[in-house]
């Protein structure tokens, strides 16, 4: 018979055995205070056997009981019955012979003694079984919670891995336009892109950044995009933040700004504009992005691109209290993001 038991599991049974022993010691202290020392010796001797036989039952016998292998199951059940009855009686007798167990009770017959010990064995199974069930249930919930967190982190990392290249692709496309037209602004655009790449490589890898850094990357991105446009593009970017050191997941706000340029401003032929406002007070973040579009009335239905859909899923994984709404008017597109930063999962 091979029985594998890790150290944590063994400590668990020792803990339950200690609780089982403490229970009986309390009973003996109340019932037999005058001979408590002798009764305590009996309980220690019995608890030693009870712990071993219950480890055997719950870790070896019980997992192997099966209807498909009825003969083996019957043999194992019979063996366990023997340990809880005849075995416990024999353990008591051995303790008496060794002088570590005091026979306060004399049985009139062997079956009476075996039956009495079997009752104690059944109680120990119930005691260990109830505690083990609670322990295993909690461990199962912890494992499920850990698995859920790991799955969410993996999905969040995947979404970021999608969003960041998407963001860079659009930026490189803008630089390509400048280079194709042999614009004198191409070198400056590459320099600005290098700053954004440096941020993404060295600053955006963690779980949080200061809101000040997010504002800086948005400003750099706007400046990079503006190189493509003449003075006809009007950009308004303002913010009201009570503490610029407050933490925020990196690049959480950038997709809305990127979306405004790629699917709004870049497609606007007359008077393109972009209005951005950020408010952050008492852990309540409100981010508004309004941009010009060329969408006609018949096309007001909003079809979310990869940037917006990824952002929405990231918010689901990161926060419990948030809202992201988009509205398409005749020539204006508005995105509104509200987050209770204290509701982070």
Protein backbone atom coordinates (compact mmCIF):
# COMPACT_ATOMS: atom_id res chain seq x y z
CA UNK A 1 0.00 0.00 0.00
CA UNK A 2 1.43 3.36 -1.06
CA UNK A 3 0.26 6.48 0.74
CA UNK A 4 1.48 9.88 -0.42
CA UNK A 5 0.82 12.81 1.91
CA UNK A 6 2.37 16.24 1.51
CA UNK A 7 3.58 18.18 4.51
CA UNK A 8 0.73 20.72 4.42
CA UNK A 9 -1.87 17.96 4.41
CA UNK A 10 -0.09 16.18 7.27
CA UNK A 11 -0.05 19.38 9.31
CA UNK A 12 -3.77 19.76 8.66
CA UNK A 13 -4.49 16.34 10.17
CA UNK A 14 -2.25 17.10 13.10
CA UNK A 15 -4.23 20.29 13.66
CA UNK A 16 -7.55 18.46 13.52
CA UNK A 17 -6.13 15.83 15.85
CA UNK A 18 -5.12 18.57 18.29
CA UNK A 19 -8.67 19.97 18.15
CA UNK A 20 -10.10 16.48 18.69
CA UNK A 21 -7.80 15.95 21.67
CA UNK A 22 -8.63 19.37 23.13
CA UNK A 23 -12.33 18.58 22.97
CA UNK A 24 -11.95 15.36 24.95
CA UNK A 25 -9.54 16.96 27.43
CA UNK A 26 -12.15 19.60 28.15
CA UNK A 27 -14.80 16.93 28.66
CA UNK A 28 -12.49 15.01 31.00
CA UNK A 29 -11.59 18.15 32.94
CA UNK A 30 -15.26 18.86 33.57
CA UNK A 31 -16.26 15.24 34.24
CA UNK A 32 -13.21 13.89 36.11
CA UNK A 33 -11.20 16.76 37.59
CA UNK A 34 -9.87 14.58 40.42
CA UNK A 35 -8.20 12.13 37.99
CA UNK A 36 -7.65 14.47 35.07
CA UNK A 37 -3.99 13.56 34.61
CA UNK A 38 -4.79 9.88 34.08
CA UNK A 39 -7.71 10.65 31.79
CA UNK A 40 -5.51 13.05 29.82
CA UNK A 41 -2.93 10.29 29.33
CA UNK A 42 -5.70 8.05 27.95
CA UNK A 43 -6.83 10.75 25.54
CA UNK A 44 -3.30 11.39 24.24
CA UNK A 45 -2.84 7.69 23.60
CA UNK A 46 -6.16 7.37 21.77
CA UNK A 47 -5.68 10.59 19.77
CA UNK A 48 -2.40 9.25 18.37
CA UNK A 49 -4.20 6.24 16.90
CA UNK A 50 -7.22 8.29 15.80
CA UNK A 51 -5.08 10.69 13.75
CA UNK A 52 -3.26 7.86 11.97
CA UNK A 53 -6.38 5.85 11.17
CA UNK A 54 -8.26 8.92 9.91
CA UNK A 55 -5.38 9.90 7.65
CA UNK A 56 -5.55 6.40 6.24
CA UNK A 57 -9.32 6.59 5.79
CA UNK A 58 -9.61 10.04 4.17
CA UNK A 59 -6.42 9.97 2.10
CA UNK A 60 -6.32 6.36 0.97
CA UNK A 61 -9.50 4.35 1.56
CA UNK A 62 -12.23 6.89 0.77
CA UNK A 63 -10.78 8.07 -2.60
CA UNK A 64 -10.58 4.44 -3.75
CA UNK A 65 -14.15 3.42 -2.99
CA UNK A 66 -15.91 2.84 -6.31
CA UNK A 67 -18.99 1.04 -7.57
CA UNK A 68 -17.05 -0.18 -10.58
CA UNK A 69 -14.59 -2.07 -8.36
CA UNK A 70 -17.02 -3.38 -5.80
CA UNK A 71 -14.85 -6.19 -4.38
CA UNK A 72 -11.90 -3.92 -3.75
CA UNK A 73 -14.20 -1.30 -2.25
CA UNK A 74 -15.82 -3.85 0.04
CA UNK A 75 -12.41 -5.08 1.17
CA UNK A 76 -11.22 -1.54 1.92
CA UNK A 77 -14.45 -0.66 3.78
CA UNK A 78 -14.19 -3.84 5.84
CA UNK A 79 -10.56 -3.10 6.68
CA UNK A 80 -11.44 0.42 7.77
CA UNK A 81 -14.29 -0.93 9.92
CA UNK A 82 -11.81 -3.28 11.54
CA UNK A 83 -9.43 -0.39 12.34
CA UNK A 84 -12.17 1.72 13.91
CA UNK A 85 -13.47 -1.15 16.07
CA UNK A 86 -11.13 -4.07 16.72
CA UNK A 87 -8.08 -1.94 16.03
CA UNK A 88 -9.08 0.80 18.45
CA UNK A 89 -9.90 -1.82 21.07
CA UNK A 90 -6.51 -3.46 20.51
CA UNK A 91 -4.80 -0.07 20.76
CA UNK A 92 -6.48 0.49 24.13
CA UNK A 93 -5.34 -2.93 25.31
CA UNK A 94 -1.77 -2.21 24.15
CA UNK A 95 -1.78 1.06 26.09
CA UNK A 96 -2.89 -0.74 29.23
CA UNK A 97 -0.08 -3.24 28.85
CA UNK A 98 2.46 -0.45 28.34
CA UNK A 99 1.17 1.47 31.34
CA UNK A 100 0.17 4.57 29.38
CA UNK A 101 -3.57 3.89 29.50
CA UNK A 102 -5.66 3.48 32.64
CA UNK A 103 -8.65 1.11 32.42
CA UNK A 104 -11.34 3.15 34.17
CA UNK A 105 -13.99 0.98 32.57
CA UNK A 106 -14.14 -2.82 32.55
CA UNK A 107 -16.06 -4.54 29.76
CA UNK A 108 -18.11 -7.63 30.57
CA UNK A 109 -17.37 -9.12 27.14
CA UNK A 110 -15.12 -8.63 24.12
CA UNK A 111 -17.99 -7.56 21.79
CA UNK A 112 -19.03 -4.93 24.33
CA UNK A 113 -15.53 -3.46 24.35
CA UNK A 114 -15.25 -3.50 20.57
CA UNK A 115 -18.67 -1.86 20.20
CA UNK A 116 -17.81 0.86 22.70
CA UNK A 117 -14.56 1.66 20.89
CA UNK A 118 -16.32 1.61 17.53
CA UNK A 119 -18.63 4.37 18.74
CA UNK A 120 -15.59 6.53 19.53
CA UNK A 121 -14.20 5.71 16.10
CA UNK A 122 -17.40 6.77 14.34
CA UNK A 123 -17.41 10.06 16.24
CA UNK A 124 -13.82 10.72 15.14
CA UNK A 125 -14.80 10.11 11.48
CA UNK A 126 -17.60 12.67 11.78
CA UNK A 127 -15.34 15.14 13.56
CA UNK A 128 -12.49 14.83 11.05
CA UNK A 129 -14.88 14.61 8.09
CA UNK A 130 -16.74 17.83 8.87
CA UNK A 131 -13.55 19.82 9.40
CA UNK A 132 -11.94 18.30 6.30
CA UNK A 133 -14.98 19.18 4.21
CA UNK A 134 -14.84 22.81 5.33
CA UNK A 135 -11.07 22.92 4.77
CA UNK A 136 -11.28 21.39 1.27
CA UNK A 137 -14.15 23.70 0.33
CA UNK A 138 -12.15 26.77 1.32
CA UNK A 139 -9.10 25.50 -0.54
CA UNK A 140 -11.23 24.85 -3.61
CA UNK A 141 -12.64 28.38 -3.48
CA UNK A 142 -9.15 29.84 -3.06
CA UNK A 143 -7.87 27.79 -6.00
CA UNK A 144 -10.83 28.85 -8.13
CA UNK A 145 -10.28 32.48 -7.16
CA UNK A 146 -6.58 32.23 -7.97
CA UNK A 147 -7.37 30.61 -11.30
CA UNK A 148 -9.88 33.35 -12.10
CA UNK A 149 -7.33 36.05 -11.25
CA UNK A 150 -4.63 34.38 -13.34
CA UNK A 151 -7.06 34.04 -16.24
CA UNK A 152 -8.04 37.70 -16.00
CA UNK A 153 -4.40 38.79 -15.81
CA UNK A 154 -3.60 36.70 -18.87
CA UNK A 155 -6.53 38.20 -20.75
CA UNK A 156 -5.59 41.71 -19.65
CA UNK A 157 -2.02 41.20 -20.83
CA UNK A 158 -3.34 39.87 -24.13
CA UNK A 159 -5.54 42.94 -24.58
CA UNK A 160 -2.58 45.18 -23.87
CA UNK A 161 -0.46 43.24 -26.36
CA UNK A 162 -3.16 43.93 -28.95
CA UNK A 163 -3.70 47.58 -28.07
CA UNK A 164 -0.04 48.66 -27.95
CA UNK A 165 0.95 47.39 -31.43
CA UNK A 166 -2.32 48.80 -32.77
CA UNK A 167 -1.41 52.16 -31.28
CA UNK A 168 2.13 52.03 -32.71
CA UNK A 169 0.91 50.92 -36.13
CA UNK A 170 -1.30 53.98 -36.43
CA UNK A 171 1.54 56.24 -35.28
CA UNK A 172 3.99 54.72 -37.76
CA UNK A 173 1.42 55.15 -40.49
CA UNK A 174 1.31 58.88 -39.74
CA UNK A 175 5.10 59.10 -39.95
CA UNK A 176 4.99 57.21 -43.24
CA UNK A 177 2.66 59.88 -44.67
CA UNK A 178 5.10 62.62 -43.65
CA UNK A 179 8.08 60.72 -45.05
CA UNK A 180 6.26 59.99 -48.32
CA UNK A 181 5.52 63.68 -48.75
CA UNK A 182 9.16 64.45 -47.86
CA UNK A 183 7.99 66.68 -45.08
CA UNK A 184 10.55 68.51 -42.98
CA UNK A 185 8.54 67.40 -39.97
CA UNK A 186 9.41 63.72 -40.46
CA UNK A 187 12.58 63.84 -38.26
CA UNK A 188 10.65 65.59 -35.47
CA UNK A 189 7.87 63.01 -35.68
CA UNK A 190 10.40 60.18 -35.33
CA UNK A 191 11.89 61.91 -32.29
CA UNK A 192 8.47 62.20 -30.69
CA UNK A 193 7.75 58.58 -31.51
CA UNK A 194 10.98 57.56 -29.78
CA UNK A 195 9.74 59.26 -26.61
CA UNK A 196 6.49 57.34 -26.79
CA UNK A 197 8.36 54.07 -27.40
CA UNK A 198 10.62 54.77 -24.43
CA UNK A 199 7.59 55.27 -22.24
CA UNK A 200 5.94 52.08 -23.45
CA UNK A 201 9.10 50.02 -22.93
CA UNK A 202 10.20 51.33 -19.54
CA UNK A 203 7.16 52.91 -17.89
CA UNK A 204 4.07 51.09 -19.14
CA UNK A 205 5.13 47.57 -18.12
CA UNK A 206 3.84 47.82 -14.55
CA UNK A 207 0.33 47.60 -13.22
CA UNK A 208 0.08 51.33 -12.47
CA UNK A 209 1.59 54.67 -13.38
CA UNK A 210 0.97 58.15 -12.02
CA UNK A 211 -1.80 60.08 -13.76
CA UNK A 212 0.88 62.67 -14.54
CA UNK A 213 2.63 60.17 -16.82
CA UNK A 214 -0.60 59.30 -18.60
CA UNK A 215 -1.22 62.99 -19.26
CA UNK A 216 2.32 63.35 -20.60
CA UNK A 217 1.95 60.48 -23.06
CA UNK A 218 -1.39 61.88 -24.26
CA UNK A 219 0.24 65.29 -24.80
CA UNK A 220 3.12 63.70 -26.73
CA UNK A 221 0.72 61.70 -28.86
CA UNK A 222 -1.39 64.79 -29.66
CA UNK A 223 1.76 66.72 -30.59
CA UNK A 224 2.86 63.88 -32.85
CA UNK A 225 -0.53 63.73 -34.57
CA UNK A 226 -0.68 67.50 -35.02
CA UNK A 227 2.40 67.40 -37.21
CA UNK A 228 0.20 65.97 -39.98
CA UNK A 229 -2.24 68.86 -39.94
CA UNK A 230 -2.07 72.53 -40.69
CA UNK A 231 -3.51 75.28 -38.54
CA UNK A 232 -7.06 74.24 -39.48
CA UNK A 233 -7.01 71.56 -36.75
CA UNK A 234 -8.15 72.88 -33.40
CA UNK A 235 -7.13 70.86 -30.34
CA UNK A 236 -8.22 71.62 -26.79
CA UNK A 237 -6.71 69.49 -24.04
CA UNK A 238 -7.28 70.48 -20.43
CA UNK A 239 -7.52 68.68 -17.13
CA UNK A 240 -8.44 69.23 -13.51
CA UNK A 241 -6.64 66.73 -11.28
CA UNK A 242 -6.40 67.22 -7.53
CA UNK A 243 -3.38 64.89 -7.21
CA UNK A 244 -1.25 64.13 -10.28
CA UNK A 245 0.45 61.27 -8.38
CA UNK A 246 -2.72 59.17 -8.24
CA UNK A 247 -2.28 55.71 -9.77
CA UNK A 248 -3.86 54.58 -13.01
CA UNK A 249 -3.28 51.55 -15.27
CA UNK A 250 -0.90 52.65 -18.05
CA UNK A 251 -2.29 53.69 -21.45
CA UNK A 252 -5.88 53.33 -20.26
CA UNK A 253 -6.99 56.69 -21.67
CA UNK A 254 -4.89 56.77 -24.83
CA UNK A 255 -7.22 54.53 -26.93
CA UNK A 256 -9.99 57.15 -26.77
CA UNK A 257 -7.63 59.86 -28.00
CA UNK A 258 -6.25 57.58 -30.70
CA UNK A 259 -9.77 56.69 -31.79
CA UNK A 260 -10.64 60.38 -32.06
CA UNK A 261 -7.76 61.02 -34.46
CA UNK A 262 -7.98 57.86 -36.54
CA UNK A 263 -11.76 57.61 -37.00
CA UNK A 264 -12.70 61.25 -36.58
CA UNK A 265 -10.25 64.05 -37.15
CA UNK A 266 -8.36 62.30 -39.96
CA UNK A 267 -11.62 61.82 -41.88
CA UNK A 268 -12.91 65.38 -41.36
CA UNK A 269 -12.49 67.66 -44.36
CA UNK A 270 -13.89 70.88 -42.94
CA UNK A 271 -12.89 72.44 -39.60
CA UNK A 272 -11.55 69.35 -37.79
CA UNK A 273 -11.42 69.65 -34.03
CA UNK A 274 -10.66 67.64 -30.92
CA UNK A 275 -11.74 68.55 -27.39
CA UNK A 276 -10.35 66.55 -24.46
CA UNK A 277 -11.10 67.11 -20.80
CA UNK A 278 -10.01 65.08 -17.80
CA UNK A 279 -11.34 65.52 -14.28
CA UNK A 280 -10.08 63.51 -11.31
CA UNK A 281 -11.36 64.37 -7.85
CA UNK A 282 -11.87 62.14 -4.82
CA UNK A 283 -10.93 59.05 -6.85
CA UNK A 284 -13.68 59.80 -9.40
CA UNK A 285 -12.27 60.01 -12.91
CA UNK A 286 -14.21 61.57 -15.79
CA UNK A 287 -12.66 61.67 -19.25
CA UNK A 288 -14.43 63.34 -22.18
CA UNK A 289 -13.24 63.16 -25.79
CA UNK A 290 -15.22 65.01 -28.46
CA UNK A 291 -14.09 65.09 -32.07
CA UNK A 292 -15.34 66.07 -35.50
CA UNK A 293 -16.54 63.41 -37.97
CA UNK A 294 -17.90 63.17 -41.49
CA UNK A 295 -20.64 60.73 -40.50
CA UNK A 296 -24.07 61.54 -41.95
CA UNK A 297 -27.35 61.14 -40.09
CA UNK A 298 -28.08 57.75 -41.64
CA UNK A 299 -24.85 56.34 -40.22
CA UNK A 300 -25.19 57.17 -36.57
CA UNK A 301 -24.88 53.56 -35.49
CA UNK A 302 -21.52 53.21 -33.74
CA UNK A 303 -19.40 50.22 -34.67
CA UNK A 304 -16.63 49.86 -32.12
CA UNK A 305 -13.13 49.19 -33.44
CA UNK A 306 -10.45 47.11 -31.75
CA UNK A 307 -9.29 50.05 -29.63
CA UNK A 308 -12.68 50.75 -28.08
CA UNK A 309 -13.66 47.08 -27.69
CA UNK A 310 -10.34 46.25 -26.02
CA UNK A 311 -10.68 49.26 -23.72
CA UNK A 312 -14.18 48.19 -22.72
CA UNK A 313 -12.97 44.68 -21.87
CA UNK A 314 -10.00 46.02 -19.89
CA UNK A 315 -12.37 48.14 -17.84
CA UNK A 316 -14.48 45.04 -17.09
CA UNK A 317 -11.40 43.27 -15.79
CA UNK A 318 -10.02 46.21 -13.83
CA UNK A 319 -12.97 47.98 -12.21
CA UNK A 320 -16.36 47.25 -10.69
CA UNK A 321 -17.76 50.77 -10.97
CA UNK A 322 -17.26 52.39 -14.36
CA UNK A 323 -19.10 53.48 -17.50
CA UNK A 324 -17.97 53.97 -21.08
CA UNK A 325 -20.46 55.56 -23.45
CA UNK A 326 -20.07 56.73 -27.04
CA UNK A 327 -22.44 58.91 -29.02
CA UNK A 328 -22.46 59.63 -32.74
CA UNK A 329 -24.15 62.84 -33.81
CA UNK A 330 -24.27 64.26 -37.34
CA UNK A 331 -20.77 65.70 -37.36
CA UNK A 332 -19.58 65.07 -33.79
CA UNK A 333 -18.46 61.93 -32.01
CA UNK A 334 -18.32 61.92 -28.22
CA UNK A 335 -16.78 59.35 -25.88
CA UNK A 336 -17.33 59.59 -22.13
CA UNK A 337 -15.44 57.49 -19.62
CA UNK A 338 -16.22 57.52 -15.90
CA UNK A 339 -14.33 55.40 -13.38
CA UNK A 340 -14.47 55.07 -9.63
CA UNK A 341 -10.77 54.34 -9.10
CA UNK A 342 -11.54 52.95 -5.65
CA UNK A 343 -13.50 50.11 -7.24
CA UNK A 344 -10.40 48.39 -8.62
CA UNK A 345 -10.82 44.61 -8.65
